[in-house]
Amino acid sequence: MKTDETLVRDYLAAVERETSMLPPAARQELIADLGEHIEVALAERPGSTREILDEMGDPRAIAATAFQELGDGAGAKARKPGRRRSPVWLPLVLLLVSTVLPYLARSTVLNWIAIAGLVSGVVIIFRARYWTVAEKWTGVALAFIVPLVIKVGWYVFVLADDGSSADSALRWSVVALTFIVTLAGTRYLWRTRRSANELIS
């Protein structure tokens, strides 16, 4: 005749066999929970091992429930939406448009919109997964940092003391140079971007 300890050991072994396809961590957690539950029940009702094991249920039924719960959890995890990605063209357009926007008209509002667009474009690039870190820095250096240095140099060294441009032709040459450098940076980012399939893999 089997002892209570043997009955419990055989029961847990049967559950372990039926759940052999579960991930090891999940299987070990299930066996530990069942063992703890049986131990508590036996402490409250000594000598009722068979009755307690019957109440626990058939090992196959326990395994089926465990597989179902694991499948539901995996499905819910798979269905959980991830962070939405900004389209790859968005930061590039922001950088290009914001570069020329201040020159369309003398307007403080346009200047602030341009600043917001430039900052937003840079932030989106560094948060995106379309490029490596090195590619991000290279693209931002061309599309943002170099044009910014050109603009600062223009305002500091070229503009007259009264705030007006000394030479209109020179001014538009600087504007064209700034746009060309920004265009080169955005073109580099566009060419080095990763596709959606590469991001998934």
N, C-alpha and C. Protein backbone atom coordinates (compact mmCIF):
# COMPACT_ATOMS: atom_id res chain seq x y z
N MET A 1 0.84 -1.20 0.00
CA MET A 1 0.00 0.00 0.00
C MET A 1 0.88 1.25 0.00
N LYS A 2 0.54 2.18 -0.87
CA LYS A 2 1.35 3.38 -0.99
C LYS A 2 1.12 4.31 0.20
N THR A 3 2.21 4.94 0.63
CA THR A 3 2.11 5.92 1.71
C THR A 3 1.63 7.25 1.13
N ASP A 4 1.27 8.16 2.03
CA ASP A 4 0.82 9.49 1.59
C ASP A 4 1.91 10.20 0.79
N GLU A 5 3.14 10.06 1.26
CA GLU A 5 4.25 10.72 0.57
C GLU A 5 4.42 10.17 -0.84
N THR A 6 4.27 8.84 -0.98
CA THR A 6 4.41 8.22 -2.30
C THR A 6 3.29 8.66 -3.23
N LEU A 7 2.08 8.74 -2.70
CA LEU A 7 0.94 9.18 -3.51
C LEU A 7 1.15 10.59 -4.05
N VAL A 8 1.62 11.46 -3.18
CA VAL A 8 1.86 12.85 -3.60
C VAL A 8 2.98 12.91 -4.63
N ARG A 9 4.05 12.15 -4.38
CA ARG A 9 5.18 12.15 -5.32
C ARG A 9 4.76 11.62 -6.68
N ASP A 10 3.97 10.54 -6.69
CA ASP A 10 3.51 9.98 -7.97
C ASP A 10 2.58 10.95 -8.69
N TYR A 11 1.75 11.64 -7.92
CA TYR A 11 0.81 12.59 -8.53
C TYR A 11 1.57 13.74 -9.19
N LEU A 12 2.53 14.31 -8.47
CA LEU A 12 3.31 15.41 -9.03
C LEU A 12 4.15 14.95 -10.22
N ALA A 13 4.64 13.71 -10.17
CA ALA A 13 5.41 13.17 -11.29
C ALA A 13 4.52 13.03 -12.52
N ALA A 14 3.26 12.62 -12.30
CA ALA A 14 2.32 12.49 -13.42
C ALA A 14 2.03 13.86 -14.04
N VAL A 15 1.85 14.86 -13.20
CA VAL A 15 1.62 16.22 -13.71
C VAL A 15 2.84 16.70 -14.50
N GLU A 16 4.03 16.39 -13.98
CA GLU A 16 5.25 16.82 -14.66
C GLU A 16 5.38 16.16 -16.03
N ARG A 17 5.00 14.88 -16.12
CA ARG A 17 5.05 14.19 -17.41
C ARG A 17 4.07 14.81 -18.40
N GLU A 18 2.86 15.09 -17.93
CA GLU A 18 1.83 15.64 -18.81
C GLU A 18 2.17 17.06 -19.28
N THR A 19 2.97 17.76 -18.50
CA THR A 19 3.32 19.15 -18.84
C THR A 19 4.75 19.25 -19.37
N SER A 20 5.27 18.15 -19.89
CA SER A 20 6.66 18.14 -20.35
C SER A 20 6.91 19.13 -21.49
N MET A 21 5.85 19.52 -22.22
CA MET A 21 6.00 20.45 -23.33
C MET A 21 5.93 21.91 -22.88
N LEU A 22 5.63 22.14 -21.63
CA LEU A 22 5.64 23.51 -21.11
C LEU A 22 7.08 24.01 -21.00
N PRO A 23 7.28 25.31 -21.06
CA PRO A 23 8.61 25.85 -20.78
C PRO A 23 9.07 25.42 -19.38
N PRO A 24 10.34 25.10 -19.21
CA PRO A 24 10.82 24.59 -17.91
C PRO A 24 10.43 25.47 -16.73
N ALA A 25 10.55 26.78 -16.88
CA ALA A 25 10.23 27.68 -15.77
C ALA A 25 8.76 27.59 -15.40
N ALA A 26 7.89 27.55 -16.42
CA ALA A 26 6.45 27.46 -16.15
C ALA A 26 6.10 26.12 -15.52
N ARG A 27 6.74 25.05 -15.99
CA ARG A 27 6.46 23.72 -15.43
C ARG A 27 6.91 23.64 -13.97
N GLN A 28 8.08 24.14 -13.67
CA GLN A 28 8.58 24.11 -12.30
C GLN A 28 7.71 24.94 -11.37
N GLU A 29 7.24 26.08 -11.87
CA GLU A 29 6.36 26.92 -11.05
C GLU A 29 5.04 26.21 -10.76
N LEU A 30 4.50 25.53 -11.78
CA LEU A 30 3.24 24.80 -11.60
C LEU A 30 3.40 23.68 -10.57
N ILE A 31 4.47 22.89 -10.69
CA ILE A 31 4.71 21.78 -9.76
C ILE A 31 4.89 22.30 -8.34
N ALA A 32 5.63 23.41 -8.21
CA ALA A 32 5.85 23.98 -6.88
C ALA A 32 4.54 24.47 -6.27
N ASP A 33 3.69 25.09 -7.07
CA ASP A 33 2.39 25.57 -6.57
C ASP A 33 1.51 24.40 -6.13
N LEU A 34 1.49 23.35 -6.95
CA LEU A 34 0.67 22.18 -6.59
C LEU A 34 1.18 21.53 -5.31
N GLY A 35 2.51 21.39 -5.22
CA GLY A 35 3.08 20.78 -4.02
C GLY A 35 2.77 21.58 -2.77
N GLU A 36 2.85 22.90 -2.88
CA GLU A 36 2.54 23.76 -1.73
C GLU A 36 1.07 23.65 -1.35
N HIS A 37 0.20 23.61 -2.36
CA HIS A 37 -1.24 23.50 -2.10
C HIS A 37 -1.56 22.17 -1.41
N ILE A 38 -0.95 21.10 -1.88
CA ILE A 38 -1.18 19.78 -1.27
C ILE A 38 -0.67 19.75 0.16
N GLU A 39 0.49 20.35 0.38
CA GLU A 39 1.08 20.37 1.72
C GLU A 39 0.18 21.11 2.71
N VAL A 40 -0.36 22.25 2.28
CA VAL A 40 -1.25 23.02 3.15
C VAL A 40 -2.53 22.23 3.43
N ALA A 41 -3.08 21.59 2.39
CA ALA A 41 -4.31 20.82 2.57
C ALA A 41 -4.10 19.64 3.51
N LEU A 42 -2.95 18.97 3.40
CA LEU A 42 -2.66 17.83 4.28
C LEU A 42 -2.47 18.28 5.73
N ALA A 43 -1.92 19.49 5.92
CA ALA A 43 -1.76 20.00 7.28
C ALA A 43 -3.11 20.27 7.93
N GLU A 44 -4.08 20.66 7.10
CA GLU A 44 -5.41 20.94 7.63
C GLU A 44 -6.25 19.67 7.76
N ARG A 45 -5.98 18.69 6.87
CA ARG A 45 -6.79 17.46 6.86
C ARG A 45 -5.87 16.25 6.79
N PRO A 46 -5.20 15.92 7.85
CA PRO A 46 -4.27 14.78 7.84
C PRO A 46 -4.99 13.48 7.47
N GLY A 47 -4.32 12.64 6.69
CA GLY A 47 -4.88 11.35 6.33
C GLY A 47 -5.85 11.40 5.17
N SER A 48 -6.03 12.56 4.56
CA SER A 48 -6.99 12.69 3.45
C SER A 48 -6.27 12.86 2.11
N THR A 49 -5.15 12.19 1.96
CA THR A 49 -4.32 12.40 0.77
C THR A 49 -5.06 12.09 -0.52
N ARG A 50 -5.69 10.91 -0.59
CA ARG A 50 -6.38 10.52 -1.82
C ARG A 50 -7.52 11.49 -2.14
N GLU A 51 -8.24 11.88 -1.12
CA GLU A 51 -9.35 12.82 -1.33
C GLU A 51 -8.83 14.17 -1.83
N ILE A 52 -7.73 14.63 -1.25
CA ILE A 52 -7.15 15.91 -1.67
C ILE A 52 -6.67 15.85 -3.11
N LEU A 53 -6.01 14.74 -3.46
CA LEU A 53 -5.50 14.60 -4.83
C LEU A 53 -6.65 14.52 -5.83
N ASP A 54 -7.74 13.86 -5.42
CA ASP A 54 -8.92 13.81 -6.31
C ASP A 54 -9.48 15.21 -6.52
N GLU A 55 -9.48 16.01 -5.45
CA GLU A 55 -9.98 17.37 -5.56
C GLU A 55 -9.08 18.24 -6.45
N MET A 56 -7.79 17.92 -6.43
CA MET A 56 -6.85 18.69 -7.27
C MET A 56 -7.15 18.50 -8.75
N GLY A 57 -7.61 17.32 -9.10
CA GLY A 57 -7.96 17.06 -10.49
C GLY A 57 -6.98 16.12 -11.17
N ASP A 58 -7.41 15.61 -12.31
CA ASP A 58 -6.58 14.69 -13.08
C ASP A 58 -5.36 15.44 -13.64
N PRO A 59 -4.18 14.83 -13.61
CA PRO A 59 -2.98 15.49 -14.14
C PRO A 59 -3.14 15.96 -15.58
N ARG A 60 -3.88 15.20 -16.40
CA ARG A 60 -4.09 15.61 -17.79
C ARG A 60 -4.92 16.89 -17.87
N ALA A 61 -5.93 16.97 -17.00
CA ALA A 61 -6.77 18.18 -16.98
C ALA A 61 -5.96 19.39 -16.52
N ILE A 62 -5.10 19.17 -15.52
CA ILE A 62 -4.25 20.27 -15.05
C ILE A 62 -3.30 20.72 -16.16
N ALA A 63 -2.73 19.75 -16.89
CA ALA A 63 -1.82 20.08 -17.99
C ALA A 63 -2.56 20.85 -19.08
N ALA A 64 -3.77 20.41 -19.41
CA ALA A 64 -4.54 21.08 -20.46
C ALA A 64 -4.84 22.53 -20.07
N THR A 65 -5.19 22.73 -18.81
CA THR A 65 -5.46 24.09 -18.33
C THR A 65 -4.20 24.95 -18.40
N ALA A 66 -3.06 24.36 -18.03
CA ALA A 66 -1.80 25.10 -18.06
C ALA A 66 -1.43 25.50 -19.49
N PHE A 67 -1.62 24.56 -20.43
CA PHE A 67 -1.32 24.87 -21.83
C PHE A 67 -2.24 25.97 -22.36
N GLN A 68 -3.51 25.92 -21.97
CA GLN A 68 -4.47 26.92 -22.42
C GLN A 68 -4.11 28.30 -21.88
N GLU A 69 -3.77 28.36 -20.60
CA GLU A 69 -3.40 29.64 -20.00
C GLU A 69 -2.13 30.20 -20.64
N LEU A 70 -1.18 29.32 -20.92
CA LEU A 70 0.05 29.76 -21.56
C LEU A 70 -0.23 30.29 -22.96
N GLY A 71 -1.11 29.59 -23.69
CA GLY A 71 -1.45 30.04 -25.04
C GLY A 71 -2.17 31.36 -25.04
N ASP A 72 -3.10 31.56 -24.10
CA ASP A 72 -3.82 32.84 -24.01
C ASP A 72 -2.88 33.96 -23.67
N GLY A 73 -1.93 33.69 -22.76
CA GLY A 73 -0.98 34.74 -22.39
C GLY A 73 -0.08 35.12 -23.54
N ALA A 74 0.37 34.11 -24.31
CA ALA A 74 1.23 34.39 -25.46
C ALA A 74 0.47 35.15 -26.53
N GLY A 75 -0.82 34.77 -26.72
CA GLY A 75 -1.61 35.46 -27.73
C GLY A 75 -1.87 36.90 -27.35
N ALA A 76 -2.14 37.13 -26.06
CA ALA A 76 -2.38 38.50 -25.61
C ALA A 76 -1.12 39.34 -25.77
N LYS A 77 0.02 38.71 -25.48
CA LYS A 77 1.28 39.44 -25.63
C LYS A 77 1.54 39.78 -27.08
N ALA A 78 1.21 38.83 -27.97
CA ALA A 78 1.44 39.08 -29.39
C ALA A 78 0.51 40.15 -29.92
N ARG A 79 -0.71 40.22 -29.32
CA ARG A 79 -1.67 41.21 -29.80
C ARG A 79 -1.44 42.59 -29.21
N LYS A 80 -0.59 42.66 -28.19
CA LYS A 80 -0.36 43.94 -27.54
C LYS A 80 0.32 44.89 -28.51
N PRO A 81 -0.27 46.03 -28.77
CA PRO A 81 0.32 46.93 -29.76
C PRO A 81 1.59 47.56 -29.25
N GLY A 82 2.57 47.68 -30.14
CA GLY A 82 3.82 48.33 -29.77
C GLY A 82 3.72 49.83 -30.02
N ARG A 83 4.81 50.51 -29.73
CA ARG A 83 4.83 51.94 -29.95
C ARG A 83 4.78 52.24 -31.45
N ARG A 84 3.90 53.13 -31.82
CA ARG A 84 3.75 53.45 -33.23
C ARG A 84 4.99 54.18 -33.73
N ARG A 85 5.44 53.78 -34.91
CA ARG A 85 6.62 54.41 -35.49
C ARG A 85 6.20 55.57 -36.37
N SER A 86 6.96 56.64 -36.31
CA SER A 86 6.73 57.75 -37.22
C SER A 86 7.22 57.33 -38.60
N PRO A 87 6.55 57.78 -39.65
CA PRO A 87 7.03 57.43 -41.00
C PRO A 87 8.43 57.98 -41.22
N VAL A 88 9.22 57.24 -41.97
CA VAL A 88 10.63 57.59 -42.12
C VAL A 88 10.82 58.95 -42.78
N TRP A 89 9.86 59.35 -43.62
CA TRP A 89 10.02 60.62 -44.33
C TRP A 89 9.71 61.83 -43.46
N LEU A 90 9.00 61.65 -42.35
CA LEU A 90 8.54 62.78 -41.55
C LEU A 90 9.68 63.65 -41.02
N PRO A 91 10.68 63.09 -40.32
CA PRO A 91 11.75 63.97 -39.82
C PRO A 91 12.56 64.62 -40.93
N LEU A 92 12.67 63.94 -42.07
CA LEU A 92 13.44 64.50 -43.18
C LEU A 92 12.72 65.72 -43.77
N VAL A 93 11.41 65.61 -43.93
CA VAL A 93 10.62 66.74 -44.42
C VAL A 93 10.66 67.90 -43.43
N LEU A 94 10.58 67.58 -42.14
CA LEU A 94 10.63 68.63 -41.11
C LEU A 94 11.95 69.40 -41.19
N LEU A 95 13.05 68.69 -41.37
CA LEU A 95 14.35 69.35 -41.45
C LEU A 95 14.45 70.24 -42.69
N LEU A 96 13.99 69.72 -43.82
CA LEU A 96 14.08 70.49 -45.06
C LEU A 96 13.20 71.74 -45.02
N VAL A 97 11.94 71.55 -44.63
CA VAL A 97 11.01 72.68 -44.60
C VAL A 97 11.44 73.72 -43.57
N SER A 98 11.88 73.25 -42.41
CA SER A 98 12.26 74.18 -41.35
C SER A 98 13.51 74.97 -41.70
N THR A 99 14.33 74.43 -42.60
CA THR A 99 15.54 75.13 -43.00
C THR A 99 15.22 76.38 -43.83
N VAL A 100 14.23 76.27 -44.71
CA VAL A 100 13.91 77.39 -45.61
C VAL A 100 12.79 78.27 -45.08
N LEU A 101 12.05 77.78 -44.09
CA LEU A 101 10.88 78.51 -43.60
C LEU A 101 11.19 79.93 -43.14
N PRO A 102 12.26 80.18 -42.38
CA PRO A 102 12.51 81.55 -41.91
C PRO A 102 12.78 82.54 -43.02
N TYR A 103 13.17 82.05 -44.21
CA TYR A 103 13.52 82.96 -45.30
C TYR A 103 12.34 83.30 -46.19
N LEU A 104 11.19 82.68 -45.93
CA LEU A 104 10.01 82.97 -46.76
C LEU A 104 9.44 84.34 -46.46
N ALA A 105 9.58 84.77 -45.21
CA ALA A 105 9.08 86.09 -44.82
C ALA A 105 9.72 86.47 -43.49
N ARG A 106 9.78 87.76 -43.22
CA ARG A 106 10.31 88.22 -41.94
C ARG A 106 9.21 88.08 -40.89
N SER A 107 9.25 86.99 -40.16
CA SER A 107 8.19 86.72 -39.20
C SER A 107 8.76 85.95 -38.01
N THR A 108 8.49 86.47 -36.83
CA THR A 108 8.93 85.78 -35.61
C THR A 108 8.22 84.44 -35.47
N VAL A 109 6.96 84.40 -35.89
CA VAL A 109 6.19 83.16 -35.81
C VAL A 109 6.83 82.07 -36.66
N LEU A 110 7.23 82.43 -37.89
CA LEU A 110 7.88 81.46 -38.77
C LEU A 110 9.20 80.97 -38.18
N ASN A 111 9.91 81.88 -37.54
CA ASN A 111 11.18 81.49 -36.92
C ASN A 111 10.96 80.45 -35.82
N TRP A 112 9.95 80.67 -34.99
CA TRP A 112 9.67 79.72 -33.91
C TRP A 112 9.16 78.40 -34.46
N ILE A 113 8.35 78.46 -35.51
CA ILE A 113 7.87 77.23 -36.14
C ILE A 113 9.05 76.44 -36.72
N ALA A 114 9.99 77.16 -37.32
CA ALA A 114 11.17 76.51 -37.89
C ALA A 114 12.01 75.84 -36.81
N ILE A 115 12.19 76.54 -35.69
CA ILE A 115 12.95 75.96 -34.57
C ILE A 115 12.27 74.70 -34.05
N ALA A 116 10.94 74.78 -33.88
CA ALA A 116 10.19 73.61 -33.40
C ALA A 116 10.30 72.45 -34.39
N GLY A 117 10.25 72.76 -35.68
CA GLY A 117 10.36 71.71 -36.69
C GLY A 117 11.73 71.05 -36.69
N LEU A 118 12.78 71.85 -36.55
CA LEU A 118 14.13 71.30 -36.52
C LEU A 118 14.34 70.40 -35.30
N VAL A 119 13.91 70.89 -34.14
CA VAL A 119 14.07 70.10 -32.92
C VAL A 119 13.26 68.80 -33.01
N SER A 120 12.03 68.91 -33.51
CA SER A 120 11.18 67.72 -33.64
C SER A 120 11.81 66.70 -34.59
N GLY A 121 12.34 67.19 -35.71
CA GLY A 121 12.97 66.29 -36.67
C GLY A 121 14.15 65.54 -36.07
N VAL A 122 14.99 66.26 -35.33
CA VAL A 122 16.16 65.62 -34.71
C VAL A 122 15.72 64.59 -33.66
N VAL A 123 14.73 64.95 -32.85
CA VAL A 123 14.25 64.03 -31.81
C VAL A 123 13.68 62.76 -32.43
N ILE A 124 12.89 62.92 -33.48
CA ILE A 124 12.30 61.75 -34.15
C ILE A 124 13.38 60.85 -34.71
N ILE A 125 14.41 61.45 -35.30
CA ILE A 125 15.50 60.65 -35.88
C ILE A 125 16.18 59.81 -34.80
N PHE A 126 16.48 60.43 -33.66
CA PHE A 126 17.20 59.70 -32.62
C PHE A 126 16.32 58.68 -31.90
N ARG A 127 15.00 58.85 -31.98
CA ARG A 127 14.10 57.86 -31.37
C ARG A 127 13.73 56.74 -32.34
N ALA A 128 13.98 56.95 -33.62
CA ALA A 128 13.57 55.98 -34.63
C ALA A 128 14.53 54.80 -34.68
N ARG A 129 14.05 53.71 -35.26
CA ARG A 129 14.85 52.49 -35.40
C ARG A 129 15.29 52.28 -36.85
N TYR A 130 15.10 53.28 -37.69
CA TYR A 130 15.43 53.11 -39.10
C TYR A 130 16.93 53.19 -39.36
N TRP A 131 17.69 53.74 -38.41
CA TRP A 131 19.12 53.94 -38.62
C TRP A 131 19.92 53.46 -37.42
N THR A 132 21.19 53.18 -37.66
CA THR A 132 22.10 52.89 -36.55
C THR A 132 22.48 54.20 -35.88
N VAL A 133 23.12 54.10 -34.73
CA VAL A 133 23.53 55.32 -34.00
C VAL A 133 24.49 56.14 -34.85
N ALA A 134 25.43 55.47 -35.49
CA ALA A 134 26.41 56.19 -36.33
C ALA A 134 25.72 56.89 -37.49
N GLU A 135 24.76 56.22 -38.11
CA GLU A 135 24.02 56.83 -39.23
C GLU A 135 23.20 58.02 -38.76
N LYS A 136 22.62 57.92 -37.58
CA LYS A 136 21.85 59.04 -37.04
C LYS A 136 22.73 60.26 -36.84
N TRP A 137 23.90 60.05 -36.22
CA TRP A 137 24.79 61.19 -35.96
C TRP A 137 25.31 61.79 -37.26
N THR A 138 25.63 60.94 -38.24
CA THR A 138 26.11 61.46 -39.52
C THR A 138 25.03 62.28 -40.21
N GLY A 139 23.81 61.74 -40.25
CA GLY A 139 22.72 62.45 -40.90
C GLY A 139 22.37 63.75 -40.20
N VAL A 140 22.31 63.72 -38.86
CA VAL A 140 21.98 64.93 -38.11
C VAL A 140 23.09 65.97 -38.24
N ALA A 141 24.34 65.52 -38.29
CA ALA A 141 25.45 66.46 -38.46
C ALA A 141 25.32 67.21 -39.78
N LEU A 142 24.96 66.48 -40.85
CA LEU A 142 24.83 67.11 -42.16
C LEU A 142 23.56 67.95 -42.27
N ALA A 143 22.45 67.41 -41.76
CA ALA A 143 21.16 68.06 -41.98
C ALA A 143 20.82 69.11 -40.93
N PHE A 144 21.54 69.11 -39.80
CA PHE A 144 21.17 70.05 -38.73
C PHE A 144 22.37 70.83 -38.18
N ILE A 145 23.41 70.12 -37.77
CA ILE A 145 24.52 70.79 -37.08
C ILE A 145 25.30 71.71 -38.02
N VAL A 146 25.70 71.19 -39.19
CA VAL A 146 26.46 72.02 -40.14
C VAL A 146 25.64 73.23 -40.60
N PRO A 147 24.36 73.06 -41.01
CA PRO A 147 23.56 74.24 -41.36
C PRO A 147 23.42 75.23 -40.21
N LEU A 148 23.33 74.71 -38.98
CA LEU A 148 23.23 75.59 -37.83
C LEU A 148 24.50 76.42 -37.66
N VAL A 149 25.65 75.78 -37.85
CA VAL A 149 26.93 76.51 -37.76
C VAL A 149 27.01 77.58 -38.84
N ILE A 150 26.54 77.25 -40.04
CA ILE A 150 26.55 78.23 -41.13
C ILE A 150 25.67 79.43 -40.78
N LYS A 151 24.49 79.16 -40.23
CA LYS A 151 23.58 80.25 -39.86
C LYS A 151 24.16 81.12 -38.76
N VAL A 152 24.74 80.48 -37.75
CA VAL A 152 25.34 81.24 -36.65
C VAL A 152 26.48 82.10 -37.17
N GLY A 153 27.31 81.51 -38.04
CA GLY A 153 28.40 82.28 -38.62
C GLY A 153 27.91 83.46 -39.43
N TRP A 154 26.81 83.25 -40.14
CA TRP A 154 26.22 84.34 -40.93
C TRP A 154 25.77 85.49 -40.04
N TYR A 155 25.02 85.15 -38.98
CA TYR A 155 24.50 86.20 -38.10
C TYR A 155 25.61 86.91 -37.32
N VAL A 156 26.66 86.17 -36.97
CA VAL A 156 27.71 86.76 -36.14
C VAL A 156 28.72 87.56 -36.96
N PHE A 157 29.11 87.02 -38.11
CA PHE A 157 30.23 87.62 -38.84
C PHE A 157 29.83 88.41 -40.09
N VAL A 158 28.64 88.17 -40.64
CA VAL A 158 28.30 88.78 -41.92
C VAL A 158 27.29 89.90 -41.78
N LEU A 159 26.28 89.71 -40.94
CA LEU A 159 25.25 90.74 -40.82
C LEU A 159 25.83 92.05 -40.31
N ALA A 160 25.30 93.11 -40.82
CA ALA A 160 25.74 94.43 -40.36
C ALA A 160 25.24 94.68 -38.95
N ASP A 161 25.79 95.68 -38.33
CA ASP A 161 25.43 95.98 -36.95
C ASP A 161 23.96 96.34 -36.80
N ASP A 162 23.36 96.87 -37.85
CA ASP A 162 21.96 97.26 -37.73
C ASP A 162 21.01 96.10 -37.99
N GLY A 163 21.57 94.90 -38.22
CA GLY A 163 20.73 93.72 -38.40
C GLY A 163 20.33 93.47 -39.82
N SER A 164 20.75 94.29 -40.76
CA SER A 164 20.40 94.09 -42.16
C SER A 164 21.54 93.41 -42.88
N SER A 165 21.22 92.72 -43.94
CA SER A 165 22.24 92.00 -44.69
C SER A 165 23.08 92.99 -45.49
N ALA A 166 24.39 92.78 -45.47
CA ALA A 166 25.28 93.68 -46.21
C ALA A 166 25.19 93.43 -47.71
N ASP A 167 24.87 92.24 -48.12
CA ASP A 167 24.85 91.90 -49.54
C ASP A 167 23.74 90.87 -49.76
N SER A 168 22.73 91.25 -50.55
CA SER A 168 21.61 90.35 -50.78
C SER A 168 22.05 89.08 -51.51
N ALA A 169 22.95 89.23 -52.47
CA ALA A 169 23.43 88.06 -53.22
C ALA A 169 24.15 87.09 -52.30
N LEU A 170 24.96 87.65 -51.39
CA LEU A 170 25.68 86.80 -50.44
C LEU A 170 24.70 86.10 -49.51
N ARG A 171 23.68 86.84 -49.11
CA ARG A 171 22.67 86.27 -48.21
C ARG A 171 22.01 85.05 -48.84
N TRP A 172 21.58 85.19 -50.10
CA TRP A 172 20.90 84.07 -50.74
C TRP A 172 21.86 82.93 -51.09
N SER A 173 23.12 83.26 -51.23
CA SER A 173 24.11 82.20 -51.43
C SER A 173 24.24 81.35 -50.17
N VAL A 174 24.20 82.03 -49.02
CA VAL A 174 24.26 81.31 -47.75
C VAL A 174 23.00 80.46 -47.56
N VAL A 175 21.85 81.02 -47.94
CA VAL A 175 20.59 80.26 -47.84
C VAL A 175 20.67 79.01 -48.72
N ALA A 176 21.16 79.19 -49.94
CA ALA A 176 21.27 78.05 -50.86
C ALA A 176 22.24 77.01 -50.31
N LEU A 177 23.38 77.46 -49.77
CA LEU A 177 24.35 76.53 -49.21
C LEU A 177 23.76 75.75 -48.04
N THR A 178 23.03 76.46 -47.18
CA THR A 178 22.40 75.81 -46.04
C THR A 178 21.41 74.74 -46.49
N PHE A 179 20.61 75.08 -47.49
CA PHE A 179 19.62 74.13 -47.99
C PHE A 179 20.29 72.92 -48.64
N ILE A 180 21.36 73.16 -49.40
CA ILE A 180 22.06 72.06 -50.07
C ILE A 180 22.66 71.09 -49.05
N VAL A 181 23.26 71.64 -48.00
CA VAL A 181 23.85 70.77 -46.97
C VAL A 181 22.76 69.98 -46.25
N THR A 182 21.64 70.65 -45.94
CA THR A 182 20.52 69.95 -45.30
C THR A 182 19.98 68.86 -46.22
N LEU A 183 19.87 69.18 -47.50
CA LEU A 183 19.39 68.20 -48.48
C LEU A 183 20.32 66.99 -48.54
N ALA A 184 21.62 67.25 -48.47
CA ALA A 184 22.59 66.15 -48.48
C ALA A 184 22.41 65.25 -47.26
N GLY A 185 22.16 65.88 -46.10
CA GLY A 185 21.96 65.09 -44.89
C GLY A 185 20.69 64.25 -44.94
N THR A 186 19.60 64.86 -45.40
CA THR A 186 18.34 64.11 -45.48
C THR A 186 18.43 63.01 -46.54
N ARG A 187 19.15 63.29 -47.63
CA ARG A 187 19.34 62.27 -48.67
C ARG A 187 20.14 61.09 -48.12
N TYR A 188 21.15 61.40 -47.32
CA TYR A 188 21.94 60.33 -46.70
C TYR A 188 21.06 59.48 -45.79
N LEU A 189 20.23 60.12 -44.98
CA LEU A 189 19.35 59.38 -44.07
C LEU A 189 18.34 58.54 -44.85
N TRP A 190 17.85 59.08 -45.95
CA TRP A 190 16.89 58.33 -46.76
C TRP A 190 17.54 57.09 -47.38
N ARG A 191 18.77 57.23 -47.83
CA ARG A 191 19.45 56.11 -48.49
C ARG A 191 19.89 55.04 -47.51
N THR A 192 20.16 55.43 -46.26
CA THR A 192 20.66 54.45 -45.28
C THR A 192 19.55 53.88 -44.41
N ARG A 193 18.30 54.29 -44.64
CA ARG A 193 17.20 53.82 -43.81
C ARG A 193 17.03 52.32 -43.96
N ARG A 194 16.51 51.70 -42.91
CA ARG A 194 16.18 50.28 -42.97
C ARG A 194 14.71 50.11 -43.31
N SER A 195 14.41 49.05 -44.05
CA SER A 195 13.03 48.80 -44.46
C SER A 195 12.24 48.20 -43.30
N ALA A 196 10.91 48.10 -43.47
CA ALA A 196 10.05 47.52 -42.43
C ALA A 196 10.40 46.06 -42.19
N ASN A 197 10.73 45.33 -43.25
CA ASN A 197 11.09 43.92 -43.09
C ASN A 197 12.37 43.76 -42.27
N GLU A 198 13.32 44.64 -42.50
CA GLU A 198 14.57 44.58 -41.73
C GLU A 198 14.33 44.92 -40.27
N LEU A 199 13.38 45.82 -39.99
CA LEU A 199 13.07 46.17 -38.61
C LEU A 199 12.44 45.00 -37.89
N ILE A 200 11.57 44.26 -38.58
CA ILE A 200 10.89 43.11 -37.97
C ILE A 200 11.88 42.00 -37.68
N SER A 201 12.79 41.77 -38.62
CA SER A 201 13.76 40.71 -38.44
C SER A 201 14.83 41.10 -37.43
